[in-house]
Protein backbone atom coordinates (compact mmCIF):
# COMPACT_ATOMS: atom_id res chain seq x y z
CA UNK A 1 -90.13 -2.06 17.38
CA UNK A 2 -87.92 0.93 18.89
CA UNK A 3 -87.39 3.34 16.14
CA UNK A 4 -83.39 4.60 15.68
CA UNK A 5 -82.96 8.24 16.19
CA UNK A 6 -79.47 10.05 15.39
CA UNK A 7 -77.52 11.21 18.44
CA UNK A 8 -78.38 14.54 19.88
CA UNK A 9 -76.24 17.24 19.85
CA UNK A 10 -74.64 16.22 23.43
CA UNK A 11 -73.18 12.54 22.11
CA UNK A 12 -71.30 14.04 19.15
CA UNK A 13 -68.24 14.99 21.49
CA UNK A 14 -68.41 11.52 23.18
CA UNK A 15 -68.32 10.12 19.43
CA UNK A 16 -65.25 12.22 18.56
CA UNK A 17 -63.54 11.05 21.77
CA UNK A 18 -64.38 7.84 20.89
CA UNK A 19 -62.87 7.91 17.56
CA UNK A 20 -59.64 9.82 18.71
CA UNK A 21 -59.07 7.07 21.22
CA UNK A 22 -59.48 4.25 18.69
CA UNK A 23 -57.07 6.33 16.10
CA UNK A 24 -54.56 6.60 18.97
CA UNK A 25 -54.88 2.65 19.69
CA UNK A 26 -54.04 1.62 16.17
CA UNK A 27 -50.93 4.16 16.16
CA UNK A 28 -49.83 2.70 19.02
CA UNK A 29 -50.35 -0.69 17.83
CA UNK A 30 -48.88 0.19 14.45
CA UNK A 31 -45.47 1.50 16.34
CA UNK A 32 -45.06 -1.46 18.31
CA UNK A 33 -45.82 -3.97 15.24
CA UNK A 34 -42.88 -1.95 13.31
CA UNK A 35 -40.93 -2.27 16.53
CA UNK A 36 -41.08 -5.80 16.64
CA UNK A 37 -40.34 -6.07 12.92
CA UNK A 38 -37.43 -4.29 13.42
CA UNK A 39 -36.10 -6.23 16.41
CA UNK A 40 -37.05 -9.35 14.29
CA UNK A 41 -35.06 -8.17 11.35
CA UNK A 42 -31.79 -7.39 13.71
CA UNK A 43 -32.39 -10.79 15.54
CA UNK A 44 -32.30 -12.48 12.30
CA UNK A 45 -29.44 -10.40 11.06
CA UNK A 46 -27.30 -10.85 14.24
CA UNK A 47 -27.86 -14.83 14.31
CA UNK A 48 -26.68 -14.57 10.44
CA UNK A 49 -23.71 -12.38 11.36
CA UNK A 50 -23.01 -15.15 14.44
CA UNK A 51 -23.52 -17.95 11.91
CA UNK A 52 -21.18 -16.52 9.32
CA UNK A 53 -18.58 -15.39 12.24
CA UNK A 54 -18.65 -18.97 13.70
CA UNK A 55 -18.28 -20.59 9.77
CA UNK A 56 -15.49 -18.02 9.16
CA UNK A 57 -13.56 -19.24 12.47
CA UNK A 58 -13.95 -22.56 11.66
CA UNK A 59 -12.72 -22.05 8.30
CA UNK A 60 -9.60 -20.29 9.89
CA UNK A 61 -9.14 -22.62 12.15
CA UNK A 62 -8.85 -25.56 9.54
CA UNK A 63 -6.78 -23.05 7.30
CA UNK A 64 -4.68 -22.70 10.28
CA UNK A 65 -4.03 -26.38 11.25
CA UNK A 66 -3.55 -27.19 7.51
CA UNK A 67 -0.79 -24.68 7.53
CA UNK A 68 0.91 -25.51 10.43
CA UNK A 69 0.90 -28.96 9.29
CA UNK A 70 1.87 -28.11 5.63
CA UNK A 71 4.74 -26.23 7.29
CA UNK A 72 6.28 -28.98 9.75
CA UNK A 73 6.36 -31.42 6.59
CA UNK A 74 8.31 -28.61 4.86
CA UNK A 75 10.56 -27.99 7.40
CA UNK A 76 11.24 -31.86 7.97
CA UNK A 77 11.86 -32.27 4.19
CA UNK A 78 14.20 -29.19 4.15
CA UNK A 79 16.42 -30.37 7.24
CA UNK A 80 16.42 -33.72 4.85
CA UNK A 81 17.52 -32.18 2.07
CA UNK A 82 19.79 -29.67 3.91
CA UNK A 83 18.13 -26.71 2.48
CA UNK A 84 17.61 -23.71 4.33
CA UNK A 85 13.59 -22.62 5.20
CA UNK A 86 12.28 -19.47 3.60
CA UNK A 87 11.99 -16.46 6.05
CA UNK A 88 7.87 -15.51 6.79
CA UNK A 89 7.14 -12.26 6.41
CA UNK A 90 3.77 -10.23 7.19
CA UNK A 91 2.50 -7.17 5.59
CA UNK A 92 0.97 -5.05 8.32
CA UNK A 93 0.26 -1.18 7.65
CA UNK A 94 3.62 0.37 9.26
CA UNK A 95 2.70 3.07 12.29
CA UNK A 96 4.61 6.34 12.71
CA UNK A 97 7.99 6.60 13.57
CA UNK A 98 7.18 8.03 17.05
CA UNK A 99 4.95 5.75 19.21
CA UNK A 100 2.22 7.58 21.22
CA UNK A 101 -1.35 7.15 22.31
CA UNK A 102 -2.43 8.99 18.45
CA UNK A 103 -0.74 6.13 16.89
CA UNK A 104 -2.72 3.23 17.45
CA UNK A 105 -4.00 1.10 14.66
CA UNK A 106 -7.63 -0.52 14.84
CA UNK A 107 -7.55 -4.16 15.70
CA UNK A 108 -10.25 -4.83 13.43
CA UNK A 109 -8.14 -3.69 10.54
CA UNK A 110 -5.14 -5.59 11.77
CA UNK A 111 -7.06 -8.68 12.29
CA UNK A 112 -8.47 -8.65 9.08
CA UNK A 113 -5.03 -8.28 7.52
CA UNK A 114 -3.61 -11.28 9.53
CA UNK A 115 -6.58 -13.33 8.06
CA UNK A 116 -5.93 -12.09 4.68
CA UNK A 117 -2.52 -13.44 4.80
CA UNK A 118 -3.35 -16.79 6.46
CA UNK A 119 -5.95 -17.41 3.84
CA UNK A 120 -3.23 -16.68 0.93
CA UNK A 121 -0.99 -18.79 2.54
CA UNK A 122 -3.29 -21.54 3.31
CA UNK A 123 -4.15 -21.78 -0.49
CA UNK A 124 -0.74 -21.29 -1.63
CA UNK A 125 0.52 -23.77 0.77
CA UNK A 126 -2.57 -26.39 0.69
CA UNK A 127 -1.25 -29.96 -0.52
CA UNK A 128 -3.25 -32.73 -2.62
CA UNK A 129 -4.76 -35.55 -0.22
CA UNK A 130 -5.02 -37.69 -3.18
CA UNK A 131 -1.15 -38.30 -3.20
CA UNK A 132 1.37 -38.39 -0.22
CA UNK A 133 3.95 -35.29 -0.35
CA UNK A 134 7.02 -36.40 -1.91
CA UNK A 135 10.46 -35.36 -1.15
CA UNK A 136 12.17 -34.50 -4.49
CA UNK A 137 15.98 -34.78 -4.25
CA UNK A 138 18.17 -31.82 -4.98
CA UNK A 139 21.37 -31.74 -6.41
CA UNK A 140 23.84 -30.28 -3.68
CA UNK A 141 24.44 -26.72 -3.79
CA UNK A 142 27.56 -24.83 -5.23
CA UNK A 143 29.82 -23.84 -2.54
CA UNK A 144 28.98 -20.17 -1.83
CA UNK A 145 30.56 -17.26 0.46
CA UNK A 146 29.63 -17.75 4.13
CA UNK A 147 26.96 -15.47 5.42
CA UNK A 148 26.03 -14.13 8.67
CA UNK A 149 24.17 -17.07 10.43
CA UNK A 150 20.64 -16.42 10.13
CA UNK A 151 18.11 -17.93 12.58
CA UNK A 152 14.98 -18.90 10.76
CA UNK A 153 11.64 -18.28 12.36
CA UNK A 154 10.06 -21.02 14.20
CA UNK A 155 6.79 -21.87 12.79
CA UNK A 156 5.48 -22.47 16.18
CA UNK A 157 5.58 -18.83 16.76
CA UNK A 158 3.93 -17.45 13.71
CA UNK A 159 0.54 -17.52 14.16
CA UNK A 160 0.13 -18.41 18.12
CA UNK A 161 -3.22 -19.87 18.89
CA UNK A 162 -3.10 -20.36 22.68
CA UNK A 163 -6.40 -22.56 22.89
CA UNK A 164 -4.43 -25.02 20.97
CA UNK A 165 -0.96 -25.13 22.40
CA UNK A 166 0.06 -28.10 24.89
CA UNK A 167 -0.29 -26.79 28.59
CA UNK A 168 3.33 -27.79 29.10
CA UNK A 169 4.37 -25.01 26.71
CA UNK A 170 2.17 -22.22 27.93
CA UNK A 171 1.55 -19.94 31.14
CA UNK A 172 -1.37 -17.50 31.29
CA UNK A 173 -2.80 -15.57 33.56
CA UNK A 174 -6.14 -16.22 34.88
CA UNK A 175 -8.88 -15.42 32.46
CA UNK A 176 -10.72 -12.36 32.40
CA UNK A 177 -13.89 -11.02 30.41
CA UNK A 178 -11.52 -10.22 27.88
CA UNK A 179 -9.35 -13.03 27.82
CA UNK A 180 -5.85 -13.73 29.18
CA UNK A 181 -4.29 -10.64 30.43
CA UNK A 182 -0.60 -12.02 29.09
CA UNK A 183 0.82 -15.38 28.56
CA UNK A 184 3.82 -16.98 27.76
CA UNK A 185 4.82 -19.94 25.14
CA UNK A 186 7.93 -21.86 25.12
CA UNK A 187 9.48 -23.26 22.17
CA UNK A 188 9.13 -27.02 21.72
CA UNK A 189 12.21 -27.62 19.86
CA UNK A 190 14.29 -26.24 22.74
CA UNK A 191 14.93 -29.73 25.32
CA UNK A 192 16.11 -28.87 27.79
CA UNK A 193 14.17 -25.53 28.52
CA UNK A 194 16.55 -23.36 29.75
CA UNK A 195 13.80 -20.33 30.70
CA UNK A 196 11.79 -21.86 33.46
CA UNK A 197 9.19 -19.73 34.24
CA UNK A 198 7.80 -16.32 34.02
CA UNK A 199 6.18 -14.02 36.12
CA UNK A 200 4.32 -10.71 36.57
CA UNK A 201 5.72 -9.21 39.42
CA UNK A 202 4.02 -5.47 39.31
CA UNK A 203 1.61 -3.75 37.15
CA UNK A 204 2.65 0.08 37.39
CA UNK A 205 -0.37 2.21 35.92
CA UNK A 206 0.59 5.53 34.31
CA UNK A 207 -1.50 8.64 32.68
CA UNK A 208 0.06 8.11 29.23
CA UNK A 209 1.85 6.22 26.87
CA UNK A 210 4.93 4.75 28.61
CA UNK A 211 7.98 5.68 26.06
CA UNK A 212 11.18 4.54 28.70
CA UNK A 213 11.77 2.16 31.53
CA UNK A 214 15.27 2.11 32.92
CA UNK A 215 16.29 -0.17 35.90
CA UNK A 216 19.25 1.09 38.77
CA UNK A 217 22.37 0.09 38.52
CA UNK A 218 21.87 -2.00 41.78
CA UNK A 219 18.34 -3.07 40.14
CA UNK A 220 16.60 -1.60 43.46
CA UNK A 221 14.66 1.25 41.43
CA UNK A 222 12.95 1.48 38.25
CA UNK A 223 12.46 4.57 36.32
CA UNK A 224 9.77 5.40 33.46
CA UNK A 225 9.26 7.98 31.42
CA UNK A 226 5.68 9.22 30.11
CA UNK A 227 3.90 12.56 29.22
CA UNK A 228 5.74 15.12 31.25
CA UNK A 229 6.67 12.91 33.89
CA UNK A 230 9.41 10.74 34.77
CA UNK A 231 8.72 8.53 37.85
CA UNK A 232 10.85 6.40 40.08
CA UNK A 233 9.43 2.77 41.48
CA UNK A 234 10.88 0.20 44.16
CA UNK A 235 11.42 -2.68 41.57
CA UNK A 236 10.86 -4.99 44.91
CA UNK A 237 7.51 -3.88 46.00
CA UNK A 238 6.09 -1.85 42.99
CA UNK A 239 5.45 1.22 45.07
CA UNK A 240 6.07 4.92 43.47
CA UNK A 241 9.05 6.30 45.34
CA UNK A 242 8.52 9.64 43.85
CA UNK A 243 7.47 11.62 40.46
CA UNK A 244 9.55 14.48 38.65
CA UNK A 245 7.99 17.21 37.18
CA UNK A 246 9.92 20.54 35.97
CA UNK A 247 7.66 23.49 37.31
CA UNK A 248 9.06 25.79 34.84
CA UNK A 249 7.75 23.79 31.89
CA UNK A 250 4.44 25.45 30.94
CA UNK A 251 1.22 23.54 31.43
CA UNK A 252 -0.79 22.23 28.74
CA UNK A 253 0.30 20.34 25.85
CA UNK A 254 2.35 17.12 25.44
CA UNK A 255 5.83 16.86 26.72
CA UNK A 256 7.08 13.20 26.46
CA UNK A 257 10.01 12.06 28.61
CA UNK A 258 12.03 9.65 25.74
CA UNK A 259 14.73 8.68 27.99
CA UNK A 260 15.75 8.00 31.53
CA UNK A 261 18.85 7.00 33.08
CA UNK A 262 20.37 6.56 36.38
CA UNK A 263 23.75 7.69 37.56
CA UNK A 264 25.87 4.33 38.83
CA UNK A 265 25.57 5.22 42.26
CA UNK A 266 21.39 5.78 41.94
CA UNK A 267 21.73 9.54 43.30
CA UNK A 268 20.87 10.99 39.83
CA UNK A 269 18.45 10.72 37.20
CA UNK A 270 19.09 11.97 33.96
CA UNK A 271 15.83 12.51 31.66
CA UNK A 272 15.72 13.44 27.91
CA UNK A 273 12.41 15.09 26.58
CA UNK A 274 11.06 16.80 23.37
CA UNK A 275 12.15 20.10 24.35
CA UNK A 276 15.41 18.95 23.74
CA UNK A 277 16.81 19.53 26.84
CA UNK A 278 18.28 16.96 29.26
CA UNK A 279 17.56 17.51 32.91
CA UNK A 280 19.99 16.13 35.54
CA UNK A 281 17.63 15.34 38.86
CA UNK A 282 18.45 14.79 42.53
CA UNK A 283 16.32 12.06 43.40
CA UNK A 284 16.36 12.03 46.84
CA UNK A 285 15.47 16.04 46.80
CA UNK A 286 13.41 16.05 43.66
CA UNK A 287 15.18 18.84 42.09
CA UNK A 288 16.89 19.47 39.25
CA UNK A 289 20.66 20.48 39.80
CA UNK A 290 21.74 20.42 35.83
CA UNK A 291 20.36 21.33 32.76
CA UNK A 292 22.24 20.02 29.76
CA UNK A 293 21.56 22.35 26.74
CA UNK A 294 22.69 21.92 22.89
CA UNK A 295 20.65 19.69 21.00
CA UNK A 296 18.45 21.39 18.62
CA UNK A 297 15.57 18.33 18.42
CA UNK A 298 13.99 15.68 20.96
CA UNK A 299 16.12 13.50 23.25
CA UNK A 300 15.73 10.37 22.45
CA UNK A 301 18.28 8.17 24.30
CA UNK A 302 20.69 8.73 27.34
CA UNK A 303 23.31 6.62 28.83
CA UNK A 304 25.65 6.94 31.58
CA UNK A 305 29.22 5.65 31.78
CA UNK A 306 30.09 3.01 34.12
CA UNK A 307 32.10 5.64 36.55
CA UNK A 308 29.41 8.12 36.43
CA UNK A 309 31.69 10.61 34.59
CA UNK A 310 30.06 11.08 30.83
CA UNK A 311 26.51 11.30 30.23
CA UNK A 312 25.91 10.30 26.28
CA UNK A 313 22.46 11.72 24.51
CA UNK A 314 21.28 10.91 21.18
CA UNK A 315 18.79 13.23 19.23
CA UNK A 316 16.86 13.82 16.26
CA UNK A 317 18.89 16.58 15.20
CA UNK A 318 21.86 13.96 14.09
CA UNK A 319 23.95 14.32 16.77
CA UNK A 320 25.48 12.34 19.74
CA UNK A 321 26.82 14.77 22.74
CA UNK A 322 29.29 13.17 25.46
CA UNK A 323 29.03 15.34 28.34
CA UNK A 324 31.91 15.18 30.90
CA UNK A 325 29.76 15.79 34.26
CA UNK A 326 33.30 15.39 36.28
CA UNK A 327 35.06 18.41 34.92
CA UNK A 328 33.36 21.24 36.00
CA UNK A 329 31.91 20.39 39.55
CA UNK A 330 31.41 24.00 40.52
CA UNK A 331 29.70 25.10 37.17
CA UNK A 332 27.51 28.12 37.64
CA UNK A 333 23.54 27.55 38.00
CA UNK A 334 22.08 27.51 34.23
CA UNK A 335 25.31 26.20 32.76
CA UNK A 336 26.21 23.07 30.68
CA UNK A 337 29.18 21.15 31.40
CA UNK A 338 31.70 21.01 28.57
CA UNK A 339 30.34 18.27 25.55
CA UNK A 340 32.19 16.21 22.69
CA UNK A 341 29.75 16.64 19.65
CA UNK A 342 29.70 13.67 17.37
CA UNK A 343 27.63 14.64 14.09
CA UNK A 344 26.13 12.19 11.42
CA UNK A 345 27.12 13.42 8.06
CA UNK A 346 27.37 10.37 5.92
CA UNK A 347 23.87 9.35 5.95
CA UNK A 348 23.10 6.67 3.19
CA UNK A 349 20.53 4.37 2.36
CA UNK A 350 20.26 0.86 3.51
CA UNK A 351 21.70 -1.96 1.55
CA UNK A 352 20.18 -5.13 2.54
CA UNK A 353 19.98 -8.09 0.22
CA UNK A 354 16.58 -9.39 1.25
CA UNK A 355 14.88 -6.53 3.34
CA UNK A 356 13.42 -3.11 2.02
CA UNK A 357 12.20 -0.33 3.84
CA UNK A 358 8.76 -0.63 5.32
CA UNK A 359 8.71 2.44 7.30
CA UNK A 360 6.49 5.53 5.99
CA UNK A 361 9.17 7.98 6.27
CA UNK A 362 9.86 9.68 2.85
CA UNK A 363 13.81 9.31 3.06
CA UNK A 364 16.18 8.11 5.54
CA UNK A 365 18.70 10.53 7.56
CA UNK A 366 21.09 9.90 10.69
CA UNK A 367 18.50 11.37 13.33
CA UNK A 368 19.58 9.28 16.19
CA UNK A 369 17.24 7.00 18.06
CA UNK A 370 19.61 5.20 20.77
CA UNK A 371 22.49 5.35 22.36
CA UNK A 372 25.05 3.24 24.25
CA UNK A 373 28.12 3.27 26.22
CA UNK A 374 30.37 0.17 26.31
CA UNK A 375 31.04 -1.17 29.72
CA UNK A 376 34.69 -0.04 29.42
CA UNK A 377 33.61 3.44 28.70
CA UNK A 378 35.95 3.55 25.48
CA UNK A 379 33.11 3.70 23.12
CA UNK A 380 30.06 5.07 22.24
CA UNK A 381 27.31 3.22 19.76
CA UNK A 382 24.23 5.14 18.42
CA UNK A 383 21.39 3.61 15.94
CA UNK A 384 19.97 6.05 13.42
CA UNK A 385 16.99 6.15 11.07
CA UNK A 386 19.36 5.89 7.96
CA UNK A 387 19.72 1.96 9.03
CA UNK A 388 23.33 2.14 10.27
CA UNK A 389 24.81 1.68 13.83
CA UNK A 390 27.67 3.89 14.34
CA UNK A 391 30.68 3.41 16.90
CA UNK A 392 32.99 6.00 18.19
CA UNK A 393 36.15 6.15 20.39
CA UNK A 394 35.12 8.37 23.01
CA UNK A 395 38.77 9.28 23.43
CA UNK A 396 39.38 10.35 20.05
CA UNK A 397 35.75 11.24 19.12
CA UNK A 398 36.88 9.34 15.87
CA UNK A 399 34.02 7.19 14.12
CA UNK A 400 35.79 3.78 14.10
CA UNK A 401 32.73 1.57 12.90
CA UNK A 402 29.76 1.71 10.43
CA UNK A 403 27.47 -1.18 10.69
CA UNK A 404 25.71 -2.11 7.95
CA UNK A 405 22.77 -5.04 7.68
CA UNK A 406 19.38 -3.56 9.08
CA UNK A 407 17.27 -3.06 6.12
CA UNK A 408 15.43 -0.06 7.78
CA UNK A 409 16.02 2.11 10.81
CA UNK A 410 17.55 1.00 13.77
CA UNK A 411 15.71 1.97 17.10
CA UNK A 412 17.58 0.21 19.46
CA UNK A 413 21.37 -0.59 20.60
CA UNK A 414 23.02 -2.59 23.66
CA UNK A 415 26.39 -3.35 24.34
CA UNK A 416 27.18 -6.93 25.74
CA UNK A 417 28.55 -7.35 28.98
CA UNK A 418 32.01 -7.69 29.18
CA UNK A 419 31.60 -11.09 31.06
CA UNK A 420 34.72 -13.99 30.49
CA UNK A 421 33.12 -16.99 28.69
CA UNK A 422 30.02 -14.70 27.81
CA UNK A 423 29.00 -13.28 24.33
CA UNK A 424 31.02 -10.43 24.10
CA UNK A 425 34.30 -13.05 24.72
CA UNK A 426 32.92 -15.21 21.63
CA UNK A 427 32.76 -11.73 19.67
CA UNK A 428 29.52 -10.52 19.94
CA UNK A 429 29.86 -6.87 21.31
CA UNK A 430 26.97 -5.55 20.65
CA UNK A 431 23.25 -5.93 19.41
CA UNK A 432 20.59 -3.70 17.49
CA UNK A 433 17.20 -3.68 16.81
CA UNK A 434 15.19 -2.09 14.08
CA UNK A 435 12.06 -1.52 11.88
CA UNK A 436 13.26 -4.57 9.55
CA UNK A 437 11.65 -7.14 12.35
CA UNK A 438 15.07 -8.23 13.37
CA UNK A 439 17.63 -8.23 15.90
CA UNK A 440 21.48 -8.23 14.98
CA UNK A 441 24.61 -9.53 16.67
CA UNK A 442 27.88 -7.34 15.73
CA UNK A 443 31.54 -8.49 15.96
CA UNK A 444 32.75 -5.03 16.06
CA UNK A 445 36.64 -6.23 15.57
CA UNK A 446 38.12 -3.82 17.93
CA UNK A 447 41.16 -4.52 20.53
CA UNK A 448 39.81 -6.16 23.63
CA UNK A 449 38.76 -3.62 26.13
CA UNK A 450 40.07 -5.16 28.84
CA UNK A 451 43.69 -4.18 27.70
CA UNK A 452 42.63 -0.72 26.60
CA UNK A 453 42.97 2.20 29.72
CA UNK A 454 39.94 4.23 30.66
CA UNK A 455 39.59 7.40 28.60
CA UNK A 456 40.99 10.79 29.21
CA UNK A 457 39.32 13.53 27.47
CA UNK A 458 40.22 17.11 27.94
CA UNK A 459 39.64 20.58 26.36
CA UNK A 460 36.43 19.22 24.38
CA UNK A 461 34.96 22.04 22.37
CA UNK A 462 31.91 22.35 20.72
CA UNK A 463 32.74 21.98 17.25
CA UNK A 464 33.78 18.42 18.12
CA UNK A 465 37.12 16.28 17.89
CA UNK A 466 39.42 15.77 14.60
CA UNK A 467 40.73 12.73 13.21
CA UNK A 468 44.01 11.58 15.31
CA UNK A 469 47.27 11.77 13.43
CA UNK A 470 47.55 8.39 14.04
CA UNK A 471 44.76 7.21 12.06
CA UNK A 472 47.34 6.37 8.78
CA UNK A 473 44.71 8.32 6.40
CA UNK A 474 42.18 5.34 6.68
CA UNK A 475 38.69 6.95 6.79
CA UNK A 476 36.93 6.91 10.00
CA UNK A 477 34.55 4.03 10.12
CA UNK A 478 35.97 2.40 7.17
CA UNK A 479 36.69 -1.15 8.52
CA UNK A 480 33.17 -2.00 9.20
CA UNK A 481 32.30 -4.70 11.83
CA UNK A 482 30.68 -8.03 11.15
CA UNK A 483 27.10 -9.08 11.51
CA UNK A 484 27.53 -12.76 13.42
CA UNK A 485 23.71 -13.22 14.21
CA UNK A 486 20.54 -12.49 13.09
CA UNK A 487 17.76 -12.81 15.24
CA UNK A 488 14.35 -13.47 13.14
CA UNK A 489 11.12 -13.96 14.33
CA UNK A 490 9.15 -10.94 15.72
CA UNK A 491 6.11 -10.15 13.45
CA UNK A 492 6.38 -6.07 13.38
CA UNK A 493 9.02 -3.45 14.48
CA UNK A 494 11.76 -4.45 16.81
CA UNK A 495 11.58 -0.98 19.11
CA UNK A 496 13.65 -2.26 22.34
CA UNK A 497 16.50 -4.63 22.65
CA UNK A 498 18.48 -5.26 25.94
CA UNK A 499 21.11 -8.01 26.93
CA UNK A 500 21.11 -9.87 30.59
CA UNK A 501 24.02 -9.05 32.91
CA UNK A 502 25.44 -12.10 32.01
CA UNK A 503 25.56 -11.77 28.56
CA UNK A 504 23.52 -15.06 28.14
CA UNK A 505 20.31 -13.51 26.86
CA UNK A 506 19.22 -11.25 24.42
CA UNK A 507 15.70 -9.50 25.08
CA UNK A 508 13.58 -7.56 22.30
CA UNK A 509 10.42 -5.87 22.89
CA UNK A 510 8.29 -5.11 19.56
CA UNK A 511 5.22 -3.17 18.20
CA UNK A 512 3.76 -6.72 17.72
CA UNK A 513 3.28 -6.69 21.77
CA UNK A 514 5.58 -9.52 22.17
CA UNK A 515 8.79 -9.70 23.92
CA UNK A 516 11.12 -12.76 23.03
CA UNK A 517 14.30 -14.31 24.99
CA UNK A 518 16.83 -15.34 22.88
CA UNK A 519 20.09 -17.49 23.71
CA UNK A 520 22.94 -15.37 23.07
CA UNK A 521 25.11 -18.39 22.30
CA UNK A 522 22.71 -20.04 19.39
CA UNK A 523 20.10 -16.96 18.30
CA UNK A 524 17.60 -19.76 19.21
CA UNK A 525 14.38 -18.06 20.60
CA UNK A 526 13.42 -19.66 23.99
CA UNK A 527 10.04 -17.94 25.35
CA UNK A 528 7.37 -15.46 23.73
CA UNK A 529 5.95 -13.01 26.57
CA UNK A 530 2.68 -11.36 25.03
CA UNK A 531 1.94 -8.98 28.35
CA UNK A 532 0.77 -6.20 26.78
CA UNK A 533 -2.59 -4.74 24.83
CA UNK A 534 -0.15 -2.56 22.57
CA UNK A 535 3.49 -2.03 21.43
CA UNK A 536 6.18 -2.53 23.84
CA UNK A 537 8.04 0.49 23.44
CA UNK A 538 11.00 0.01 26.09
CA UNK A 539 12.37 -2.69 27.76
CA UNK A 540 15.20 -3.15 30.32
CA UNK A 541 16.84 -5.99 32.22
CA UNK A 542 17.78 -5.79 35.71
CA UNK A 543 21.79 -5.56 36.36
CA UNK A 544 21.20 -7.61 39.60
CA UNK A 545 19.33 -10.60 38.63
CA UNK A 546 16.49 -12.13 36.55
CA UNK A 547 14.21 -9.24 36.43
CA UNK A 548 12.38 -7.72 33.17
CA UNK A 549 10.77 -4.34 32.86
CA UNK A 550 8.35 -3.48 29.89
CA UNK A 551 6.88 -0.29 28.95
CA UNK A 552 3.91 0.26 26.44
CA UNK A 553 1.24 1.93 24.34
CA UNK A 554 -1.26 0.57 26.65
CA UNK A 555 -0.05 2.93 29.48
CA UNK A 556 1.27 0.10 31.65
CA UNK A 557 4.79 -0.39 32.73
CA UNK A 558 5.62 -3.71 33.87
CA UNK A 559 8.16 -5.88 36.12
CA UNK A 560 8.51 -9.58 35.50
CA UNK A 561 10.28 -12.12 36.95
CA UNK A 562 12.03 -15.17 35.25
CA UNK A 563 13.94 -18.49 35.93
CA UNK A 564 16.94 -19.83 34.48
CA UNK A 565 17.56 -23.70 34.47
CA UNK A 566 21.57 -24.25 35.05
């Protein structure tokens, strides 16, 4: 038998290399085993989370079905008893007052809040299945003073579950990787349907939040305002006509165009910005012809009078200014035409019996958020942060109405067109929308504008007008108008309202990303359009037909068509 001998000096390095190779192999195997373990744990965790999410979805769906059924039963029971249904209120965290891209709220947090609300509602309303729902007789209520009509929120619209809505009550865009890009849902209680169809005509891309949209008086063009730029589009084709940028504005930083408005002839465009300047543009020449200076804070609203003589502006400095564009055609370059200054000095907290402030502002003030001039050119209305709507006489500058009713800041006002047989002839002359999630219709209780003469204003001064001697000692605005209708249904702040050219429809845009069409005669919601991925900051209806424009925090403006069934 051969005798084993220890390795010689030349075999030691080979042994070390072999040991090193085995060590590297073991190290690699350990690393592989750890990686496989981590992947296995991740897979198991993901599967568990998926299972939990699936169970949660099923449970939520069950709760929603149960909640919908109970609400339907309660609604039917209350109708039988003559008891008005309660208003449904949500509790989502309020956003900052100014809607920009920095103000977005994470979707997951919003969804989580909604789920908690639904769970609480379902636990509170879930019936006992062992016995039928009984209707308890209620004694007839005692006579009470007549209150403004409150249109209840339809249970159908409170928690839209698109997959479970019958096909004949919905329309949605072709599905993409992120679901339907937009959809519309009709009120099942409205028969026959008056809004026959809704269609997306054009999507207009922007480079920032779209703060405002406005049609020209003939409906041919649409103007939009975003960061540093106002743009004009062909409303029929969606093609961009021009971009208006002031070359004198220093580059860098934000300067949002908060309001835009065409002159009645479509030749000029007024833009209001955060630098407190109002620029009047010649659209064809893309040139500024006049700058209106005088406001001390941001310009949030603009409107032209129907004859083109006046431009009305509203600012955060608590003033409304009426600029006389026809009084000085030969004004020197750089000078502003004369203006009448209407100052808010009577700020007061909201007085609403049912709604409390929900905005994060520390205290209400009279900052102006919106303005509108009446079709006759005789009155100016303004919404303010202090929850009031004020109406002034253009000729005298006197405050003729102070409208109370909103529970929070008013963000939009619009006059109802003076059409025979329309809502204005039936008493509702003005609509407003606010952070209390409602739209309100107002009877101003003023003489018919068809019998008034056009205003003639001469000798305006910067200090503003005084109360005319014919006021008989009455305080300005002492006789308040009457709220004739309250439109409820939005789940978040109402940021913009508009009225159709025939006065038949009120349309509202909200932070809940929805647009709602309301019948101006009955206050019943007809259709809900969900067409943006962020707040609907601004809307406008074409004066020339059934066309709607929307501007959103998702950096898009959109043009929609809708059909009205006679």
